[in-house]
Amino acid sequence: MCSICVMDFEDRKFLRLLPKCEHAFHSLCIEDWLKIYMTCPVFRNLIEDTDADLIPYMNITAQEQQVVSGSDHMLDL
């Protein structure tokens, strides 16, 4: 679930991760968020470089996907 719009992730190809904390969001949600705030929407930690590339969700490993899901099981892709 995207913590910005509170909608489920239906199509993972439109997700992005923040580079350091690796929290997942809808691409448009996080892009709009970072235009206004310089913090992670989840932890509110300062993002040092808002121009840093967001990581496409499909480019992360299965282990990283488990971290993003915050659960004990892998996400189904």
PDB file of N, CA and C in Angstrom:
ATOM      1  N   MET A   1       0.845  -1.177   0.000  1.00  0.00           N
ATOM      2  CA  MET A   1       0.000   0.000   0.000  1.00  0.00           C
ATOM      3  C   MET A   1       0.893   1.243   0.000  1.00  0.00           C
ATOM      4  N   CYS A   2       0.562   2.184  -0.833  1.00  0.00           N
ATOM      5  CA  CYS A   2       1.288   3.455  -0.897  1.00  0.00           C
ATOM      6  C   CYS A   2       0.868   4.305   0.306  1.00  0.00           C
ATOM      7  N   SER A   3       1.837   4.704   1.112  1.00  0.00           N
ATOM      8  CA  SER A   3       1.496   5.479   2.307  1.00  0.00           C
ATOM      9  C   SER A   3       1.161   6.936   1.996  1.00  0.00           C
ATOM     10  N   ILE A   4       1.319   7.355   0.754  1.00  0.00           N
ATOM     11  CA  ILE A   4       0.954   8.725   0.377  1.00  0.00           C
ATOM     12  C   ILE A   4      -0.525   8.796   0.006  1.00  0.00           C
ATOM     13  N   CYS A   5      -0.953   7.938  -0.922  1.00  0.00           N
ATOM     14  CA  CYS A   5      -2.356   7.977  -1.373  1.00  0.00           C
ATOM     15  C   CYS A   5      -3.221   6.920  -0.682  1.00  0.00           C
ATOM     16  N   VAL A   6      -2.596   6.012   0.058  1.00  0.00           N
ATOM     17  CA  VAL A   6      -3.251   4.936   0.798  1.00  0.00           C
ATOM     18  C   VAL A   6      -4.033   4.003  -0.144  1.00  0.00           C
ATOM     19  N   MET A   7      -3.492   3.778  -1.326  1.00  0.00           N
ATOM     20  CA  MET A   7      -4.080   2.840  -2.289  1.00  0.00           C
ATOM     21  C   MET A   7      -3.141   1.641  -2.435  1.00  0.00           C
ATOM     22  N   ASP A   8      -3.714   0.481  -2.744  1.00  0.00           N
ATOM     23  CA  ASP A   8      -2.912  -0.720  -2.941  1.00  0.00           C
ATOM     24  C   ASP A   8      -2.026  -0.600  -4.168  1.00  0.00           C
ATOM     25  N   PHE A   9      -0.913  -1.335  -4.142  1.00  0.00           N
ATOM     26  CA  PHE A   9      -0.028  -1.432  -5.296  1.00  0.00           C
ATOM     27  C   PHE A   9      -0.598  -2.482  -6.230  1.00  0.00           C
ATOM     28  N   GLU A  10      -1.177  -2.065  -7.334  1.00  0.00           N
ATOM     29  CA  GLU A  10      -1.767  -3.011  -8.273  1.00  0.00           C
ATOM     30  C   GLU A  10      -0.816  -3.359  -9.403  1.00  0.00           C
ATOM     31  N   ASP A  11      -0.044  -2.405  -9.871  1.00  0.00           N
ATOM     32  CA  ASP A  11       0.882  -2.638 -10.973  1.00  0.00           C
ATOM     33  C   ASP A  11       2.266  -2.196 -10.520  1.00  0.00           C
ATOM     34  N   ARG A  12       3.105  -3.158 -10.186  1.00  0.00           N
ATOM     35  CA  ARG A  12       4.394  -2.842  -9.595  1.00  0.00           C
ATOM     36  C   ARG A  12       5.356  -2.123 -10.540  1.00  0.00           C
ATOM     37  N   LYS A  13       5.059  -2.113 -11.830  1.00  0.00           N
ATOM     38  CA  LYS A  13       5.963  -1.404 -12.738  1.00  0.00           C
ATOM     39  C   LYS A  13       5.834   0.108 -12.585  1.00  0.00           C
ATOM     40  N   PHE A  14       4.817   0.578 -11.869  1.00  0.00           N
ATOM     41  CA  PHE A  14       4.644   2.009 -11.630  1.00  0.00           C
ATOM     42  C   PHE A  14       5.043   2.402 -10.210  1.00  0.00           C
ATOM     43  N   LEU A  15       5.866   1.574  -9.560  1.00  0.00           N
ATOM     44  CA  LEU A  15       6.339   1.863  -8.210  1.00  0.00           C
ATOM     45  C   LEU A  15       7.774   2.358  -8.255  1.00  0.00           C
ATOM     46  N   ARG A  16       8.127   3.154  -7.257  1.00  0.00           N
ATOM     47  CA  ARG A  16       9.500   3.611  -7.102  1.00  0.00           C
ATOM     48  C   ARG A  16       9.889   3.477  -5.634  1.00  0.00           C
ATOM     49  N   LEU A  17      11.189   3.286  -5.416  1.00  0.00           N
ATOM     50  CA  LEU A  17      11.736   3.199  -4.069  1.00  0.00           C
ATOM     51  C   LEU A  17      12.605   4.415  -3.806  1.00  0.00           C
ATOM     52  N   LEU A  18      12.584   4.882  -2.579  1.00  0.00           N
ATOM     53  CA  LEU A  18      13.538   5.912  -2.194  1.00  0.00           C
ATOM     54  C   LEU A  18      14.900   5.242  -2.074  1.00  0.00           C
ATOM     55  N   PRO A  19      15.969   5.891  -2.534  1.00  0.00           N
ATOM     56  CA  PRO A  19      17.278   5.242  -2.607  1.00  0.00           C
ATOM     57  C   PRO A  19      17.832   4.716  -1.284  1.00  0.00           C
ATOM     58  N   LYS A  20      17.710   5.440  -0.188  1.00  0.00           N
ATOM     59  CA  LYS A  20      18.337   4.989   1.059  1.00  0.00           C
ATOM     60  C   LYS A  20      17.444   4.083   1.897  1.00  0.00           C
ATOM     61  N   CYS A  21      16.220   4.479   2.137  1.00  0.00           N
ATOM     62  CA  CYS A  21      15.338   3.688   3.006  1.00  0.00           C
ATOM     63  C   CYS A  21      14.603   2.596   2.244  1.00  0.00           C
ATOM     64  N   GLU A  22      14.527   2.714   0.919  1.00  0.00           N
ATOM     65  CA  GLU A  22      13.893   1.735   0.043  1.00  0.00           C
ATOM     66  C   GLU A  22      12.400   1.535   0.317  1.00  0.00           C
ATOM     67  N   HIS A  23      11.723   2.576   0.801  1.00  0.00           N
ATOM     68  CA  HIS A  23      10.268   2.509   0.919  1.00  0.00           C
ATOM     69  C   HIS A  23       9.664   2.644  -0.467  1.00  0.00           C
ATOM     70  N   ALA A  24       8.611   1.882  -0.743  1.00  0.00           N
ATOM     71  CA  ALA A  24       7.972   1.874  -2.063  1.00  0.00           C
ATOM     72  C   ALA A  24       6.753   2.792  -2.086  1.00  0.00           C
ATOM     73  N   PHE A  25       6.575   3.471  -3.225  1.00  0.00           N
ATOM     74  CA  PHE A  25       5.444   4.369  -3.445  1.00  0.00           C
ATOM     75  C   PHE A  25       5.061   4.318  -4.916  1.00  0.00           C
ATOM     76  N   HIS A  26       3.838   4.733  -5.225  1.00  0.00           N
ATOM     77  CA  HIS A  26       3.483   4.933  -6.630  1.00  0.00           C
ATOM     78  C   HIS A  26       4.408   6.020  -7.180  1.00  0.00           C
ATOM     79  N   SER A  27       4.843   5.865  -8.416  1.00  0.00           N
ATOM     80  CA  SER A  27       5.768   6.834  -9.027  1.00  0.00           C
ATOM     81  C   SER A  27       5.247   8.260  -8.941  1.00  0.00           C
ATOM     82  N   LEU A  28       4.016   8.468  -9.365  1.00  0.00           N
ATOM     83  CA  LEU A  28       3.462   9.827  -9.362  1.00  0.00           C
ATOM     84  C   LEU A  28       3.313  10.383  -7.953  1.00  0.00           C
ATOM     85  N   CYS A  29       2.953   9.530  -7.015  1.00  0.00           N
ATOM     86  CA  CYS A  29       2.787   9.989  -5.625  1.00  0.00           C
ATOM     87  C   CYS A  29       4.104  10.508  -5.061  1.00  0.00           C
ATOM     88  N   ILE A  30       5.172   9.722  -5.205  1.00  0.00           N
ATOM     89  CA  ILE A  30       6.446  10.134  -4.607  1.00  0.00           C
ATOM     90  C   ILE A  30       7.055  11.309  -5.364  1.00  0.00           C
ATOM     91  N   GLU A  31       6.852  11.367  -6.671  1.00  0.00           N
ATOM     92  CA  GLU A  31       7.368  12.510  -7.430  1.00  0.00           C
ATOM     93  C   GLU A  31       6.693  13.802  -6.973  1.00  0.00           C
ATOM     94  N   ASP A  32       5.378  13.774  -6.803  1.00  0.00           N
ATOM     95  CA  ASP A  32       4.655  14.957  -6.311  1.00  0.00           C
ATOM     96  C   ASP A  32       5.047  15.291  -4.875  1.00  0.00           C
ATOM     97  N   TRP A  33       5.191  14.263  -4.033  1.00  0.00           N
ATOM     98  CA  TRP A  33       5.579  14.459  -2.636  1.00  0.00           C
ATOM     99  C   TRP A  33       6.923  15.192  -2.553  1.00  0.00           C
ATOM    100  N   LEU A  34       7.901  14.723  -3.339  1.00  0.00           N
ATOM    101  CA  LEU A  34       9.246  15.294  -3.265  1.00  0.00           C
ATOM    102  C   LEU A  34       9.331  16.710  -3.834  1.00  0.00           C
ATOM    103  N   LYS A  35       8.321  17.135  -4.561  1.00  0.00           N
ATOM    104  CA  LYS A  35       8.275  18.529  -5.022  1.00  0.00           C
ATOM    105  C   LYS A  35       7.960  19.470  -3.860  1.00  0.00           C
ATOM    106  N   ILE A  36       7.300  18.936  -2.829  1.00  0.00           N
ATOM    107  CA  ILE A  36       6.865  19.746  -1.689  1.00  0.00           C
ATOM    108  C   ILE A  36       7.717  19.496  -0.445  1.00  0.00           C
ATOM    109  N   TYR A  37       7.973  18.219  -0.155  1.00  0.00           N
ATOM    110  CA  TYR A  37       8.681  17.833   1.064  1.00  0.00           C
ATOM    111  C   TYR A  37      10.032  17.217   0.719  1.00  0.00           C
ATOM    112  N   MET A  38      10.974  17.336   1.619  1.00  0.00           N
ATOM    113  CA  MET A  38      12.277  16.702   1.428  1.00  0.00           C
ATOM    114  C   MET A  38      12.476  15.603   2.463  1.00  0.00           C
ATOM    115  N   THR A  39      11.392  14.879   2.743  1.00  0.00           N
ATOM    116  CA  THR A  39      11.442  13.814   3.734  1.00  0.00           C
ATOM    117  C   THR A  39      10.805  12.547   3.188  1.00  0.00           C
ATOM    118  N   CYS A  40      11.174  11.420   3.784  1.00  0.00           N
ATOM    119  CA  CYS A  40      10.519  10.156   3.472  1.00  0.00           C
ATOM    120  C   CYS A  40       9.103  10.219   4.044  1.00  0.00           C
ATOM    121  N   PRO A  41       8.076   9.874   3.267  1.00  0.00           N
ATOM    122  CA  PRO A  41       6.703   9.909   3.781  1.00  0.00           C
ATOM    123  C   PRO A  41       6.452   8.944   4.942  1.00  0.00           C
ATOM    124  N   VAL A  42       7.271   7.913   5.075  1.00  0.00           N
ATOM    125  CA  VAL A  42       7.068   6.921   6.130  1.00  0.00           C
ATOM    126  C   VAL A  42       7.773   7.332   7.417  1.00  0.00           C
ATOM    127  N   PHE A  43       9.092   7.540   7.356  1.00  0.00           N
ATOM    128  CA  PHE A  43       9.869   7.843   8.561  1.00  0.00           C
ATOM    129  C   PHE A  43      10.086   9.335   8.783  1.00  0.00           C
ATOM    130  N   ARG A  44       9.779  10.142   7.775  1.00  0.00           N
ATOM    131  CA  ARG A  44       9.987  11.595   7.824  1.00  0.00           C
ATOM    132  C   ARG A  44      11.465  11.961   7.967  1.00  0.00           C
ATOM    133  N   ASN A  45      12.357  11.028   7.625  1.00  0.00           N
ATOM    134  CA  ASN A  45      13.784  11.333   7.618  1.00  0.00           C
ATOM    135  C   ASN A  45      14.092  12.248   6.447  1.00  0.00           C
ATOM    136  N   LEU A  46      14.996  13.168   6.660  1.00  0.00           N
ATOM    137  CA  LEU A  46      15.393  14.098   5.616  1.00  0.00           C
ATOM    138  C   LEU A  46      16.044  13.345   4.461  1.00  0.00           C
ATOM    139  N   ILE A  47      15.622  13.670   3.254  1.00  0.00           N
ATOM    140  CA  ILE A  47      16.239  13.105   2.061  1.00  0.00           C
ATOM    141  C   ILE A  47      17.248  14.134   1.589  1.00  0.00           C
ATOM    142  N   GLU A  48      18.521  13.760   1.630  1.00  0.00           N
ATOM    143  CA  GLU A  48      19.590  14.715   1.348  1.00  0.00           C
ATOM    144  C   GLU A  48      19.588  15.201  -0.091  1.00  0.00           C
ATOM    145  N   ASP A  49      19.278  14.322  -1.030  1.00  0.00           N
ATOM    146  CA  ASP A  49      19.333  14.689  -2.445  1.00  0.00           C
ATOM    147  C   ASP A  49      18.006  14.347  -3.100  1.00  0.00           C
ATOM    148  N   THR A  50      17.104  15.312  -3.189  1.00  0.00           N
ATOM    149  CA  THR A  50      15.796  15.043  -3.791  1.00  0.00           C
ATOM    150  C   THR A  50      15.891  14.841  -5.291  1.00  0.00           C
ATOM    151  N   ASP A  51      17.046  15.169  -5.887  1.00  0.00           N
ATOM    152  CA  ASP A  51      17.247  14.935  -7.317  1.00  0.00           C
ATOM    153  C   ASP A  51      17.800  13.543  -7.592  1.00  0.00           C
ATOM    154  N   ALA A  52      18.073  12.778  -6.536  1.00  0.00           N
ATOM    155  CA  ALA A  52      18.596  11.425  -6.729  1.00  0.00           C
ATOM    156  C   ALA A  52      17.567  10.582  -7.475  1.00  0.00           C
ATOM    157  N   ASP A  53      18.069   9.687  -8.281  1.00  0.00           N
ATOM    158  CA  ASP A  53      17.176   8.823  -9.052  1.00  0.00           C
ATOM    159  C   ASP A  53      16.377   7.920  -8.130  1.00  0.00           C
ATOM    160  N   LEU A  54      15.092   7.827  -8.373  1.00  0.00           N
ATOM    161  CA  LEU A  54      14.260   6.872  -7.668  1.00  0.00           C
ATOM    162  C   LEU A  54      14.490   5.519  -8.307  1.00  0.00           C
ATOM    163  N   ILE A  55      14.519   4.480  -7.512  1.00  0.00           N
ATOM    164  CA  ILE A  55      14.800   3.139  -8.005  1.00  0.00           C
ATOM    165  C   ILE A  55      13.518   2.510  -8.521  1.00  0.00           C
ATOM    166  N   PRO A  56      13.484   2.072  -9.793  1.00  0.00           N
ATOM    167  CA  PRO A  56      12.300   1.346 -10.270  1.00  0.00           C
ATOM    168  C   PRO A  56      12.130   0.059  -9.474  1.00  0.00           C
ATOM    169  N   TYR A  57      10.930  -0.214  -9.014  1.00  0.00           N
ATOM    170  CA  TYR A  57      10.664  -1.384  -8.180  1.00  0.00           C
ATOM    171  C   TYR A  57      11.071  -2.676  -8.863  1.00  0.00           C
ATOM    172  N   MET A  58      10.898  -2.767 -10.171  1.00  0.00           N
ATOM    173  CA  MET A  58      11.192  -4.004 -10.889  1.00  0.00           C
ATOM    174  C   MET A  58      12.682  -4.301 -10.940  1.00  0.00           C
ATOM    175  N   ASN A  59      13.543  -3.357 -10.580  1.00  0.00           N
ATOM    176  CA  ASN A  59      14.983  -3.554 -10.633  1.00  0.00           C
ATOM    177  C   ASN A  59      15.584  -3.991  -9.307  1.00  0.00           C
ATOM    178  N   ILE A  60      14.762  -4.266  -8.312  1.00  0.00           N
ATOM    179  CA  ILE A  60      15.314  -4.681  -7.032  1.00  0.00           C
ATOM    180  C   ILE A  60      15.238  -6.190  -6.889  1.00  0.00           C
ATOM    181  N   THR A  61      16.069  -6.719  -5.997  1.00  0.00           N
ATOM    182  CA  THR A  61      16.147  -8.161  -5.801  1.00  0.00           C
ATOM    183  C   THR A  61      14.987  -8.668  -4.950  1.00  0.00           C
ATOM    184  N   ALA A  62      14.808  -9.989  -4.939  1.00  0.00           N
ATOM    185  CA  ALA A  62      13.750 -10.595  -4.128  1.00  0.00           C
ATOM    186  C   ALA A  62      13.961 -10.288  -2.650  1.00  0.00           C
ATOM    187  N   GLN A  63      15.212 -10.269  -2.201  1.00  0.00           N
ATOM    188  CA  GLN A  63      15.497  -9.958  -0.797  1.00  0.00           C
ATOM    189  C   GLN A  63      15.094  -8.516  -0.480  1.00  0.00           C
ATOM    190  N   GLU A  64      15.382  -7.585  -1.381  1.00  0.00           N
ATOM    191  CA  GLU A  64      14.982  -6.198  -1.177  1.00  0.00           C
ATOM    192  C   GLU A  64      13.469  -6.056  -1.214  1.00  0.00           C
ATOM    193  N   GLN A  65      12.794  -6.844  -2.049  1.00  0.00           N
ATOM    194  CA  GLN A  65      11.339  -6.797  -2.110  1.00  0.00           C
ATOM    195  C   GLN A  65      10.739  -7.229  -0.787  1.00  0.00           C
ATOM    196  N   GLN A  66      11.375  -8.182  -0.119  1.00  0.00           N
ATOM    197  CA  GLN A  66      10.885  -8.636   1.183  1.00  0.00           C
ATOM    198  C   GLN A  66      10.993  -7.502   2.196  1.00  0.00           C
ATOM    199  N   VAL A  67      12.075  -6.746   2.160  1.00  0.00           N
ATOM    200  CA  VAL A  67      12.244  -5.611   3.064  1.00  0.00           C
ATOM    201  C   VAL A  67      11.161  -4.574   2.810  1.00  0.00           C
ATOM    202  N   VAL A  68      10.879  -4.295   1.537  1.00  0.00           N
ATOM    203  CA  VAL A  68       9.858  -3.310   1.175  1.00  0.00           C
ATOM    204  C   VAL A  68       8.485  -3.735   1.654  1.00  0.00           C
ATOM    205  N   SER A  69       8.191  -5.039   1.542  1.00  0.00           N
ATOM    206  CA  SER A  69       6.866  -5.515   1.925  1.00  0.00           C
ATOM    207  C   SER A  69       6.647  -5.443   3.426  1.00  0.00           C
ATOM    208  N   GLY A  70       7.746  -5.497   4.205  1.00  0.00           N
ATOM    209  CA  GLY A  70       7.636  -5.433   5.649  1.00  0.00           C
ATOM    210  C   GLY A  70       7.003  -6.658   6.265  1.00  0.00           C
ATOM    211  N   SER A  71       7.066  -7.775   5.560  1.00  0.00           N
ATOM    212  CA  SER A  71       6.452  -8.990   6.074  1.00  0.00           C
ATOM    213  C   SER A  71       7.444 -10.141   6.018  1.00  0.00           C
ATOM    214  N   ASP A  72       7.009 -11.283   6.499  1.00  0.00           N
ATOM    215  CA  ASP A  72       7.853 -12.470   6.513  1.00  0.00           C
ATOM    216  C   ASP A  72       7.792 -13.256   5.222  1.00  0.00           C
ATOM    217  N   HIS A  73       6.993 -12.839   4.282  1.00  0.00           N
ATOM    218  CA  HIS A  73       6.878 -13.571   3.026  1.00  0.00           C
ATOM    219  C   HIS A  73       7.200 -12.659   1.848  1.00  0.00           C
ATOM    220  N   MET A  74       7.544 -13.281   0.742  1.00  0.00           N
ATOM    221  CA  MET A  74       7.887 -12.530  -0.460  1.00  0.00           C
ATOM    222  C   MET A  74       6.632 -11.978  -1.125  1.00  0.00           C
ATOM    223  N   LEU A  75       6.793 -10.891  -1.843  1.00  0.00           N
ATOM    224  CA  LEU A  75       5.690 -10.327  -2.613  1.00  0.00           C
ATOM    225  C   LEU A  75       5.511 -11.113  -3.897  1.00  0.00           C
ATOM    226  N   ASP A  76       4.297 -11.326  -4.308  1.00  0.00           N
ATOM    227  CA  ASP A  76       4.021 -11.960  -5.589  1.00  0.00           C
ATOM    228  C   ASP A  76       4.130 -10.911  -6.680  1.00  0.00           C
ATOM    229  N   LEU A  77       4.908 -11.245  -7.720  1.00  0.00           N
ATOM    230  CA  LEU A  77       5.047 -10.296  -8.831  1.00  0.00           C
ATOM    231  C   LEU A  77       4.268 -10.758 -10.015  1.00  0.00           C
TER     232      LEU A  77
END
